[in-house]
């Protein structure tokens, strides 16, 4: 589903929502529900965890890349 006037698709895997939150710290679950009302069906206790996971996703990817580079250098 595309949010009105934005041209973004909401993937079933949550990729678009996760990238939006990770790339824009000022955007949270409440703002996403305004864009994609279907997200209101998600239990608020789960939504909190999804928002936290999305905000830390970029840092975890950087750390993974650092570890991979370290292993290549050591190997």
PDB file of N, CA and C in Angstrom:
ATOM      1  N   UNK A   1       0.837  -1.187   0.000  1.00  0.00           N
ATOM      2  CA  UNK A   1       0.000   0.000   0.000  1.00  0.00           C
ATOM      3  C   UNK A   1       0.878   1.244   0.000  1.00  0.00           C
ATOM      4  N   UNK A   2       0.481   2.247  -0.745  1.00  0.00           N
ATOM      5  CA  UNK A   2       1.222   3.502  -0.789  1.00  0.00           C
ATOM      6  C   UNK A   2       0.496   4.541   0.060  1.00  0.00           C
ATOM      7  N   UNK A   3       1.246   5.259   0.896  1.00  0.00           N
ATOM      8  CA  UNK A   3       0.599   6.325   1.651  1.00  0.00           C
ATOM      9  C   UNK A   3       0.184   7.457   0.718  1.00  0.00           C
ATOM     10  N   UNK A   4      -0.861   8.168   1.073  1.00  0.00           N
ATOM     11  CA  UNK A   4      -1.386   9.207   0.199  1.00  0.00           C
ATOM     12  C   UNK A   4      -0.339  10.268  -0.142  1.00  0.00           C
ATOM     13  N   UNK A   5      -0.125  10.484  -1.447  1.00  0.00           N
ATOM     14  CA  UNK A   5       0.724  11.569  -1.902  1.00  0.00           C
ATOM     15  C   UNK A   5       2.206  11.399  -1.669  1.00  0.00           C
ATOM     16  N   UNK A   6       2.654  10.251  -1.181  1.00  0.00           N
ATOM     17  CA  UNK A   6       4.069  10.098  -0.882  1.00  0.00           C
ATOM     18  C   UNK A   6       4.755   9.115  -1.820  1.00  0.00           C
ATOM     19  N   UNK A   7       4.023   8.238  -2.447  1.00  0.00           N
ATOM     20  CA  UNK A   7       4.603   7.318  -3.397  1.00  0.00           C
ATOM     21  C   UNK A   7       5.446   6.213  -2.787  1.00  0.00           C
ATOM     22  N   UNK A   8       5.339   5.984  -1.503  1.00  0.00           N
ATOM     23  CA  UNK A   8       6.099   4.915  -0.856  1.00  0.00           C
ATOM     24  C   UNK A   8       5.205   3.707  -0.691  1.00  0.00           C
ATOM     25  N   UNK A   9       5.764   2.540  -0.892  1.00  0.00           N
ATOM     26  CA  UNK A   9       5.012   1.308  -0.686  1.00  0.00           C
ATOM     27  C   UNK A   9       5.342   0.751   0.686  1.00  0.00           C
ATOM     28  N   UNK A  10       4.342   0.220   1.357  1.00  0.00           N
ATOM     29  CA  UNK A  10       4.547  -0.431   2.644  1.00  0.00           C
ATOM     30  C   UNK A  10       4.754  -1.913   2.376  1.00  0.00           C
ATOM     31  N   UNK A  11       5.995  -2.357   2.475  1.00  0.00           N
ATOM     32  CA  UNK A  11       6.315  -3.759   2.240  1.00  0.00           C
ATOM     33  C   UNK A  11       5.822  -4.611   3.395  1.00  0.00           C
ATOM     34  N   UNK A  12       5.499  -5.837   3.101  1.00  0.00           N
ATOM     35  CA  UNK A  12       5.023  -6.755   4.138  1.00  0.00           C
ATOM     36  C   UNK A  12       6.105  -7.016   5.188  1.00  0.00           C
ATOM     37  N   UNK A  13       7.376  -6.884   4.808  1.00  0.00           N
ATOM     38  CA  UNK A  13       8.456  -7.151   5.752  1.00  0.00           C
ATOM     39  C   UNK A  13       8.807  -5.944   6.618  1.00  0.00           C
ATOM     40  N   UNK A  14       8.171  -4.804   6.381  1.00  0.00           N
ATOM     41  CA  UNK A  14       8.412  -3.625   7.207  1.00  0.00           C
ATOM     42  C   UNK A  14       9.652  -2.829   6.823  1.00  0.00           C
ATOM     43  N   UNK A  15      10.265  -3.153   5.697  1.00  0.00           N
ATOM     44  CA  UNK A  15      11.503  -2.494   5.296  1.00  0.00           C
ATOM     45  C   UNK A  15      11.331  -0.989   5.163  1.00  0.00           C
ATOM     46  N   UNK A  16      10.290  -0.550   4.501  1.00  0.00           N
ATOM     47  CA  UNK A  16      10.093   0.886   4.285  1.00  0.00           C
ATOM     48  C   UNK A  16       9.920   1.618   5.606  1.00  0.00           C
ATOM     49  N   UNK A  17       9.120   1.063   6.484  1.00  0.00           N
ATOM     50  CA  UNK A  17       8.896   1.695   7.783  1.00  0.00           C
ATOM     51  C   UNK A  17      10.185   1.738   8.586  1.00  0.00           C
ATOM     52  N   UNK A  18      10.937   0.643   8.579  1.00  0.00           N
ATOM     53  CA  UNK A  18      12.195   0.580   9.329  1.00  0.00           C
ATOM     54  C   UNK A  18      13.195   1.608   8.800  1.00  0.00           C
ATOM     55  N   UNK A  19      13.315   1.708   7.490  1.00  0.00           N
ATOM     56  CA  UNK A  19      14.237   2.683   6.900  1.00  0.00           C
ATOM     57  C   UNK A  19      13.810   4.107   7.196  1.00  0.00           C
ATOM     58  N   UNK A  20      12.519   4.355   7.180  1.00  0.00           N
ATOM     59  CA  UNK A  20      12.027   5.694   7.456  1.00  0.00           C
ATOM     60  C   UNK A  20      12.352   6.100   8.884  1.00  0.00           C
ATOM     61  N   UNK A  21      12.122   5.211   9.834  1.00  0.00           N
ATOM     62  CA  UNK A  21      12.427   5.512  11.230  1.00  0.00           C
ATOM     63  C   UNK A  21      13.929   5.657  11.428  1.00  0.00           C
ATOM     64  N   UNK A  22      14.706   4.731  10.862  1.00  0.00           N
ATOM     65  CA  UNK A  22      16.154   4.755  11.051  1.00  0.00           C
ATOM     66  C   UNK A  22      16.777   5.998  10.433  1.00  0.00           C
ATOM     67  N   UNK A  23      16.275   6.436   9.298  1.00  0.00           N
ATOM     68  CA  UNK A  23      16.850   7.578   8.611  1.00  0.00           C
ATOM     69  C   UNK A  23      16.374   8.923   9.125  1.00  0.00           C
ATOM     70  N   UNK A  24      15.317   8.911   9.910  1.00  0.00           N
ATOM     71  CA  UNK A  24      14.731  10.152  10.413  1.00  0.00           C
ATOM     72  C   UNK A  24      14.362   9.973  11.884  1.00  0.00           C
ATOM     73  N   UNK A  25      15.291  10.276  12.782  1.00  0.00           N
ATOM     74  CA  UNK A  25      15.022  10.054  14.203  1.00  0.00           C
ATOM     75  C   UNK A  25      13.807  10.806  14.736  1.00  0.00           C
ATOM     76  N   UNK A  26      13.410  11.872  14.051  1.00  0.00           N
ATOM     77  CA  UNK A  26      12.250  12.636  14.511  1.00  0.00           C
ATOM     78  C   UNK A  26      10.938  11.944  14.173  1.00  0.00           C
ATOM     79  N   UNK A  27      11.001  10.887  13.364  1.00  0.00           N
ATOM     80  CA  UNK A  27       9.797  10.140  12.991  1.00  0.00           C
ATOM     81  C   UNK A  27       9.690   8.912  13.877  1.00  0.00           C
ATOM     82  N   UNK A  28       8.561   8.769  14.490  1.00  0.00           N
ATOM     83  CA  UNK A  28       8.317   7.622  15.359  1.00  0.00           C
ATOM     84  C   UNK A  28       7.079   6.860  14.915  1.00  0.00           C
ATOM     85  N   UNK A  29       6.667   5.955  15.758  1.00  0.00           N
ATOM     86  CA  UNK A  29       5.535   5.094  15.436  1.00  0.00           C
ATOM     87  C   UNK A  29       4.255   5.894  15.207  1.00  0.00           C
ATOM     88  N   UNK A  30       4.043   6.923  16.000  1.00  0.00           N
ATOM     89  CA  UNK A  30       2.820   7.735  15.863  1.00  0.00           C
ATOM     90  C   UNK A  30       2.767   8.371  14.474  1.00  0.00           C
ATOM     91  N   UNK A  31       3.908   8.910  14.024  1.00  0.00           N
ATOM     92  CA  UNK A  31       3.952   9.537  12.708  1.00  0.00           C
ATOM     93  C   UNK A  31       3.739   8.501  11.597  1.00  0.00           C
ATOM     94  N   UNK A  32       4.318   7.321  11.771  1.00  0.00           N
ATOM     95  CA  UNK A  32       4.130   6.271  10.768  1.00  0.00           C
ATOM     96  C   UNK A  32       2.680   5.837  10.672  1.00  0.00           C
ATOM     97  N   UNK A  33       2.006   5.765  11.820  1.00  0.00           N
ATOM     98  CA  UNK A  33       0.580   5.410  11.783  1.00  0.00           C
ATOM     99  C   UNK A  33      -0.220   6.466  11.034  1.00  0.00           C
ATOM    100  N   UNK A  34       0.228   7.716  11.070  1.00  0.00           N
ATOM    101  CA  UNK A  34      -0.434   8.770  10.305  1.00  0.00           C
ATOM    102  C   UNK A  34      -0.266   8.573   8.809  1.00  0.00           C
ATOM    103  N   UNK A  35       0.883   7.994   8.420  1.00  0.00           N
ATOM    104  CA  UNK A  35       1.153   7.728   7.010  1.00  0.00           C
ATOM    105  C   UNK A  35       0.471   6.434   6.573  1.00  0.00           C
ATOM    106  N   UNK A  36       0.619   5.388   7.414  1.00  0.00           N
ATOM    107  CA  UNK A  36       0.054   4.072   7.106  1.00  0.00           C
ATOM    108  C   UNK A  36      -0.904   3.675   8.235  1.00  0.00           C
ATOM    109  N   UNK A  37      -2.165   4.018   8.142  1.00  0.00           N
ATOM    110  CA  UNK A  37      -3.131   3.709   9.199  1.00  0.00           C
ATOM    111  C   UNK A  37      -3.218   2.221   9.542  1.00  0.00           C
ATOM    112  N   UNK A  38      -2.826   1.359   8.594  1.00  0.00           N
ATOM    113  CA  UNK A  38      -2.872  -0.086   8.839  1.00  0.00           C
ATOM    114  C   UNK A  38      -1.965  -0.491  10.003  1.00  0.00           C
ATOM    115  N   UNK A  39      -0.959   0.321  10.285  1.00  0.00           N
ATOM    116  CA  UNK A  39      -0.043   0.006  11.387  1.00  0.00           C
ATOM    117  C   UNK A  39      -0.738   0.079  12.751  1.00  0.00           C
ATOM    118  N   UNK A  40      -1.885   0.705  12.817  1.00  0.00           N
ATOM    119  CA  UNK A  40      -2.639   0.785  14.070  1.00  0.00           C
ATOM    120  C   UNK A  40      -3.094  -0.583  14.546  1.00  0.00           C
ATOM    121  N   UNK A  41      -3.116  -1.551  13.645  1.00  0.00           N
ATOM    122  CA  UNK A  41      -3.538  -2.906  14.006  1.00  0.00           C
ATOM    123  C   UNK A  41      -2.457  -3.630  14.823  1.00  0.00           C
ATOM    124  N   UNK A  42      -1.241  -3.102  14.841  1.00  0.00           N
ATOM    125  CA  UNK A  42      -0.144  -3.740  15.580  1.00  0.00           C
ATOM    126  C   UNK A  42      -0.248  -3.382  17.055  1.00  0.00           C
ATOM    127  N   UNK A  43      -0.109  -4.385  17.894  1.00  0.00           N
ATOM    128  CA  UNK A  43      -0.164  -4.197  19.339  1.00  0.00           C
ATOM    129  C   UNK A  43       0.862  -3.144  19.759  1.00  0.00           C
ATOM    130  N   UNK A  44       0.463  -2.158  20.578  1.00  0.00           N
ATOM    131  CA  UNK A  44       1.390  -1.108  21.007  1.00  0.00           C
ATOM    132  C   UNK A  44       2.662  -1.640  21.686  1.00  0.00           C
ATOM    133  N   UNK A  45       2.561  -2.750  22.405  1.00  0.00           N
ATOM    134  CA  UNK A  45       3.745  -3.326  23.061  1.00  0.00           C
ATOM    135  C   UNK A  45       4.743  -3.821  22.014  1.00  0.00           C
ATOM    136  N   UNK A  46       4.251  -4.334  20.911  1.00  0.00           N
ATOM    137  CA  UNK A  46       5.121  -4.780  19.815  1.00  0.00           C
ATOM    138  C   UNK A  46       5.655  -3.567  19.060  1.00  0.00           C
ATOM    139  N   UNK A  47       4.816  -2.563  18.871  1.00  0.00           N
ATOM    140  CA  UNK A  47       5.222  -1.358  18.146  1.00  0.00           C
ATOM    141  C   UNK A  47       6.420  -0.682  18.814  1.00  0.00           C
ATOM    142  N   UNK A  48       6.446  -0.672  20.130  1.00  0.00           N
ATOM    143  CA  UNK A  48       7.584  -0.084  20.856  1.00  0.00           C
ATOM    144  C   UNK A  48       8.873  -0.790  20.468  1.00  0.00           C
ATOM    145  N   UNK A  49       8.847  -2.099  20.428  1.00  0.00           N
ATOM    146  CA  UNK A  49      10.039  -2.874  20.074  1.00  0.00           C
ATOM    147  C   UNK A  49      10.429  -2.663  18.604  1.00  0.00           C
ATOM    148  N   UNK A  50       9.446  -2.572  17.731  1.00  0.00           N
ATOM    149  CA  UNK A  50       9.734  -2.328  16.322  1.00  0.00           C
ATOM    150  C   UNK A  50      10.406  -0.969  16.128  1.00  0.00           C
ATOM    151  N   UNK A  51       9.928   0.032  16.857  1.00  0.00           N
ATOM    152  CA  UNK A  51      10.512   1.365  16.754  1.00  0.00           C
ATOM    153  C   UNK A  51      11.952   1.370  17.266  1.00  0.00           C
ATOM    154  N   UNK A  52      12.198   0.713  18.380  1.00  0.00           N
ATOM    155  CA  UNK A  52      13.556   0.619  18.931  1.00  0.00           C
ATOM    156  C   UNK A  52      14.467  -0.122  17.965  1.00  0.00           C
ATOM    157  N   UNK A  53      14.010  -1.254  17.456  1.00  0.00           N
ATOM    158  CA  UNK A  53      14.812  -2.022  16.496  1.00  0.00           C
ATOM    159  C   UNK A  53      15.159  -1.177  15.272  1.00  0.00           C
ATOM    160  N   UNK A  54      14.199  -0.419  14.785  1.00  0.00           N
ATOM    161  CA  UNK A  54      14.433   0.406  13.595  1.00  0.00           C
ATOM    162  C   UNK A  54      15.452   1.499  13.875  1.00  0.00           C
ATOM    163  N   UNK A  55      15.377   2.126  15.037  1.00  0.00           N
ATOM    164  CA  UNK A  55      16.307   3.208  15.364  1.00  0.00           C
ATOM    165  C   UNK A  55      17.734   2.699  15.518  1.00  0.00           C
ATOM    166  N   UNK A  56      17.904   1.478  15.999  1.00  0.00           N
ATOM    167  CA  UNK A  56      19.243   0.928  16.200  1.00  0.00           C
ATOM    168  C   UNK A  56      19.764   0.156  14.993  1.00  0.00           C
ATOM    169  N   UNK A  57      18.915  -0.094  14.016  1.00  0.00           N
ATOM    170  CA  UNK A  57      19.289  -0.902  12.852  1.00  0.00           C
ATOM    171  C   UNK A  57      20.531  -0.364  12.147  1.00  0.00           C
ATOM    172  N   UNK A  58      20.581   0.937  11.934  1.00  0.00           N
ATOM    173  CA  UNK A  58      21.712   1.534  11.220  1.00  0.00           C
ATOM    174  C   UNK A  58      23.013   1.335  11.995  1.00  0.00           C
ATOM    175  N   UNK A  59      22.963   1.427  13.313  1.00  0.00           N
ATOM    176  CA  UNK A  59      24.167   1.242  14.127  1.00  0.00           C
ATOM    177  C   UNK A  59      24.632  -0.213  14.116  1.00  0.00           C
ATOM    178  N   UNK A  60      23.682  -1.120  14.165  1.00  0.00           N
ATOM    179  CA  UNK A  60      24.040  -2.538  14.129  1.00  0.00           C
ATOM    180  C   UNK A  60      24.673  -2.916  12.792  1.00  0.00           C
ATOM    181  N   UNK A  61      24.179  -2.341  11.719  1.00  0.00           N
ATOM    182  CA  UNK A  61      24.761  -2.616  10.400  1.00  0.00           C
ATOM    183  C   UNK A  61      26.188  -2.078  10.320  1.00  0.00           C
ATOM    184  N   UNK A  62      26.421  -0.896  10.886  1.00  0.00           N
ATOM    185  CA  UNK A  62      27.772  -0.339  10.893  1.00  0.00           C
ATOM    186  C   UNK A  62      28.711  -1.215  11.714  1.00  0.00           C
ATOM    187  N   UNK A  63      28.256  -1.658  12.870  1.00  0.00           N
ATOM    188  CA  UNK A  63      29.095  -2.511  13.710  1.00  0.00           C
ATOM    189  C   UNK A  63      29.402  -3.829  13.014  1.00  0.00           C
ATOM    190  N   UNK A  64      28.419  -4.394  12.350  1.00  0.00           N
ATOM    191  CA  UNK A  64      28.642  -5.643  11.614  1.00  0.00           C
ATOM    192  C   UNK A  64      29.681  -5.432  10.518  1.00  0.00           C
ATOM    193  N   UNK A  65      29.583  -4.314   9.811  1.00  0.00           N
ATOM    194  CA  UNK A  65      30.564  -4.007   8.764  1.00  0.00           C
ATOM    195  C   UNK A  65      31.954  -3.830   9.365  1.00  0.00           C
ATOM    196  N   UNK A  66      32.041  -3.185  10.528  1.00  0.00           N
ATOM    197  CA  UNK A  66      33.335  -3.012  11.202  1.00  0.00           C
ATOM    198  C   UNK A  66      33.932  -4.354  11.602  1.00  0.00           C
ATOM    199  N   UNK A  67      33.116  -5.231  12.150  1.00  0.00           N
ATOM    200  CA  UNK A  67      33.593  -6.565  12.554  1.00  0.00           C
ATOM    201  C   UNK A  67      34.054  -7.350  11.334  1.00  0.00           C
ATOM    202  N   UNK A  68      33.287  -7.286  10.261  1.00  0.00           N
ATOM    203  CA  UNK A  68      33.667  -7.980   9.029  1.00  0.00           C
ATOM    204  C   UNK A  68      34.997  -7.454   8.491  1.00  0.00           C
ATOM    205  N   UNK A  69      35.176  -6.146   8.509  1.00  0.00           N
ATOM    206  CA  UNK A  69      36.435  -5.548   8.031  1.00  0.00           C
ATOM    207  C   UNK A  69      37.591  -5.974   8.924  1.00  0.00           C
ATOM    208  N   UNK A  70      37.373  -5.996  10.230  1.00  0.00           N
ATOM    209  CA  UNK A  70      38.413  -6.417  11.162  1.00  0.00           C
ATOM    210  C   UNK A  70      38.818  -7.856  10.899  1.00  0.00           C
ATOM    211  N   UNK A  71      37.834  -8.714  10.680  1.00  0.00           N
ATOM    212  CA  UNK A  71      38.120 -10.125  10.411  1.00  0.00           C
ATOM    213  C   UNK A  71      38.891 -10.305   9.109  1.00  0.00           C
ATOM    214  N   UNK A  72      38.560  -9.518   8.090  1.00  0.00           N
ATOM    215  CA  UNK A  72      39.291  -9.579   6.823  1.00  0.00           C
ATOM    216  C   UNK A  72      40.748  -9.137   7.028  1.00  0.00           C
ATOM    217  N   UNK A  73      40.916  -8.079   7.793  1.00  0.00           N
ATOM    218  CA  UNK A  73      42.263  -7.564   8.041  1.00  0.00           C
ATOM    219  C   UNK A  73      43.115  -8.540   8.862  1.00  0.00           C
ATOM    220  N   UNK A  74      42.470  -9.232   9.778  1.00  0.00           N
ATOM    221  CA  UNK A  74      43.181 -10.178  10.654  1.00  0.00           C
ATOM    222  C   UNK A  74      43.414 -11.519   9.979  1.00  0.00           C
ATOM    223  N   UNK A  75      42.563 -11.841   8.997  1.00  0.00           N
ATOM    224  CA  UNK A  75      42.544 -13.161   8.395  1.00  0.00           C
ATOM    225  C   UNK A  75      43.628 -13.440   7.447  1.00  0.00           C
TER     226      UNK A  75
END
